[in-house]
Amino acid sequence: MTQNNSEVDTILRGAELRLRRLSLDRLRVADDFLAYLEEKEADASTRELLSLAGFEGHYREALRQSEGGETVRFEDIRRDV
């Protein structure tokens, strides 16, 4: 999903203004709903990754390498960063 930074900033400012006008009880409900949406988006992203051929095996191998200390610092790969 491509996002326009200006549009995102406008929406966030508007949402913050509305959230600040809510009672504490309604603010809790809004926060719960936002957490629900965040979880749904993460679930969709996870499903998308798991649908890629070979992803799960590569992921498990990467975890094994990481846990075994078989890593290379990013700075050693990309010296111009």
C-alpha atoms as a PDB file:
ATOM      1  CA  MET A   1       0.000   0.000   0.000  1.00  0.00           C
ATOM      2  CA  THR A   2       1.476   3.317  -1.093  1.00  0.00           C
ATOM      3  CA  GLN A   3       0.875   6.150   1.320  1.00  0.00           C
ATOM      4  CA  ASN A   4       1.093   9.857   0.676  1.00  0.00           C
ATOM      5  CA  ASN A   5       2.992  11.361   3.637  1.00  0.00           C
ATOM      6  CA  SER A   6       0.992  14.586   3.481  1.00  0.00           C
ATOM      7  CA  GLU A   7      -2.287  12.675   3.556  1.00  0.00           C
ATOM      8  CA  VAL A   8      -1.065  10.477   6.424  1.00  0.00           C
ATOM      9  CA  ASP A   9      -0.015  13.546   8.430  1.00  0.00           C
ATOM     10  CA  THR A  10      -3.392  15.203   7.840  1.00  0.00           C
ATOM     11  CA  ILE A  11      -5.284  12.097   8.949  1.00  0.00           C
ATOM     12  CA  LEU A  12      -3.091  11.648  12.031  1.00  0.00           C
ATOM     13  CA  ARG A  13      -3.581  15.282  13.084  1.00  0.00           C
ATOM     14  CA  GLY A  14      -7.347  14.981  12.677  1.00  0.00           C
ATOM     15  CA  ALA A  15      -7.451  11.697  14.579  1.00  0.00           C
ATOM     16  CA  GLU A  16      -5.399  13.149  17.422  1.00  0.00           C
ATOM     17  CA  LEU A  17      -7.752  16.129  17.718  1.00  0.00           C
ATOM     18  CA  ARG A  18     -10.786  13.818  17.855  1.00  0.00           C
ATOM     19  CA  LEU A  19      -9.100  11.474  20.360  1.00  0.00           C
ATOM     20  CA  ARG A  20      -8.269  14.379  22.676  1.00  0.00           C
ATOM     21  CA  ARG A  21     -11.963  15.353  22.826  1.00  0.00           C
ATOM     22  CA  LEU A  22     -13.134  11.875  23.918  1.00  0.00           C
ATOM     23  CA  SER A  23     -13.995  10.861  27.461  1.00  0.00           C
ATOM     24  CA  LEU A  24     -11.620   8.400  29.118  1.00  0.00           C
ATOM     25  CA  ASP A  25     -14.032   5.504  28.567  1.00  0.00           C
ATOM     26  CA  ARG A  26     -14.479   6.305  24.867  1.00  0.00           C
ATOM     27  CA  LEU A  27     -10.719   6.819  24.507  1.00  0.00           C
ATOM     28  CA  ARG A  28     -10.168   3.286  25.845  1.00  0.00           C
ATOM     29  CA  VAL A  29     -12.647   1.937  23.291  1.00  0.00           C
ATOM     30  CA  ALA A  30     -10.874   3.813  20.492  1.00  0.00           C
ATOM     31  CA  ASP A  31      -7.508   2.468  21.650  1.00  0.00           C
ATOM     32  CA  ASP A  32      -8.871  -1.089  21.744  1.00  0.00           C
ATOM     33  CA  PHE A  33     -10.235  -0.662  18.223  1.00  0.00           C
ATOM     34  CA  LEU A  34      -6.903   0.676  16.958  1.00  0.00           C
ATOM     35  CA  ALA A  35      -5.120  -2.288  18.540  1.00  0.00           C
ATOM     36  CA  TYR A  36      -7.595  -4.613  16.796  1.00  0.00           C
ATOM     37  CA  LEU A  37      -6.917  -2.955  13.416  1.00  0.00           C
ATOM     38  CA  GLU A  38      -3.167  -3.127  14.002  1.00  0.00           C
ATOM     39  CA  GLU A  39      -3.393  -6.842  14.774  1.00  0.00           C
ATOM     40  CA  LYS A  40      -5.509  -7.502  11.658  1.00  0.00           C
ATOM     41  CA  GLU A  41      -2.973  -5.690   9.478  1.00  0.00           C
ATOM     42  CA  ALA A  42      -0.102  -7.677  10.997  1.00  0.00           C
ATOM     43  CA  ASP A  43      -2.043 -10.914  10.479  1.00  0.00           C
ATOM     44  CA  ALA A  44      -2.604 -10.065   6.814  1.00  0.00           C
ATOM     45  CA  SER A  45       1.099  -9.309   6.348  1.00  0.00           C
ATOM     46  CA  THR A  46       2.050 -12.584   8.028  1.00  0.00           C
ATOM     47  CA  ARG A  47      -0.349 -14.537   5.802  1.00  0.00           C
ATOM     48  CA  GLU A  48       1.142 -12.843   2.753  1.00  0.00           C
ATOM     49  CA  LEU A  49       4.693 -13.766   3.772  1.00  0.00           C
ATOM     50  CA  LEU A  50       3.742 -17.354   4.567  1.00  0.00           C
ATOM     51  CA  SER A  51       2.137 -17.690   1.129  1.00  0.00           C
ATOM     52  CA  LEU A  52       5.507 -17.047  -0.566  1.00  0.00           C
ATOM     53  CA  ALA A  53       7.072 -20.261  -1.823  1.00  0.00           C
ATOM     54  CA  GLY A  54       9.926 -21.329   0.474  1.00  0.00           C
ATOM     55  CA  PHE A  55       9.551 -18.396   2.874  1.00  0.00           C
ATOM     56  CA  GLU A  56       8.937 -20.469   5.990  1.00  0.00           C
ATOM     57  CA  GLY A  57      12.005 -22.637   5.414  1.00  0.00           C
ATOM     58  CA  HIS A  58      14.223 -19.628   4.712  1.00  0.00           C
ATOM     59  CA  TYR A  59      12.866 -17.899   7.815  1.00  0.00           C
ATOM     60  CA  ARG A  60      13.604 -20.910  10.021  1.00  0.00           C
ATOM     61  CA  GLU A  61      17.126 -21.110   8.593  1.00  0.00           C
ATOM     62  CA  ALA A  62      17.674 -17.398   9.254  1.00  0.00           C
ATOM     63  CA  LEU A  63      16.527 -17.869  12.869  1.00  0.00           C
ATOM     64  CA  ARG A  64      18.906 -20.814  13.282  1.00  0.00           C
ATOM     65  CA  GLN A  65      21.795 -18.776  11.895  1.00  0.00           C
ATOM     66  CA  SER A  66      20.959 -15.809  14.099  1.00  0.00           C
ATOM     67  CA  GLU A  67      20.664 -17.909  17.239  1.00  0.00           C
ATOM     68  CA  GLY A  68      23.965 -19.607  16.360  1.00  0.00           C
ATOM     69  CA  GLY A  69      25.755 -16.289  15.960  1.00  0.00           C
ATOM     70  CA  GLU A  70      26.230 -16.812  12.225  1.00  0.00           C
ATOM     71  CA  THR A  71      25.553 -13.189  11.337  1.00  0.00           C
ATOM     72  CA  VAL A  72      27.335 -10.315   9.649  1.00  0.00           C
ATOM     73  CA  ARG A  73      26.956  -6.711  10.775  1.00  0.00           C
ATOM     74  CA  PHE A  74      25.012  -4.574   8.304  1.00  0.00           C
ATOM     75  CA  GLU A  75      27.776  -1.972   8.434  1.00  0.00           C
ATOM     76  CA  ASP A  76      30.259  -4.603   7.191  1.00  0.00           C
ATOM     77  CA  ILE A  77      28.072  -5.252   4.152  1.00  0.00           C
ATOM     78  CA  ARG A  78      27.065  -1.667   3.379  1.00  0.00           C
ATOM     79  CA  ARG A  79      30.022   0.560   4.112  1.00  0.00           C
ATOM     80  CA  ASP A  80      28.353   3.664   2.612  1.00  0.00           C
ATOM     81  CA  VAL A  81      25.639   3.754   5.290  1.00  0.00           C
END
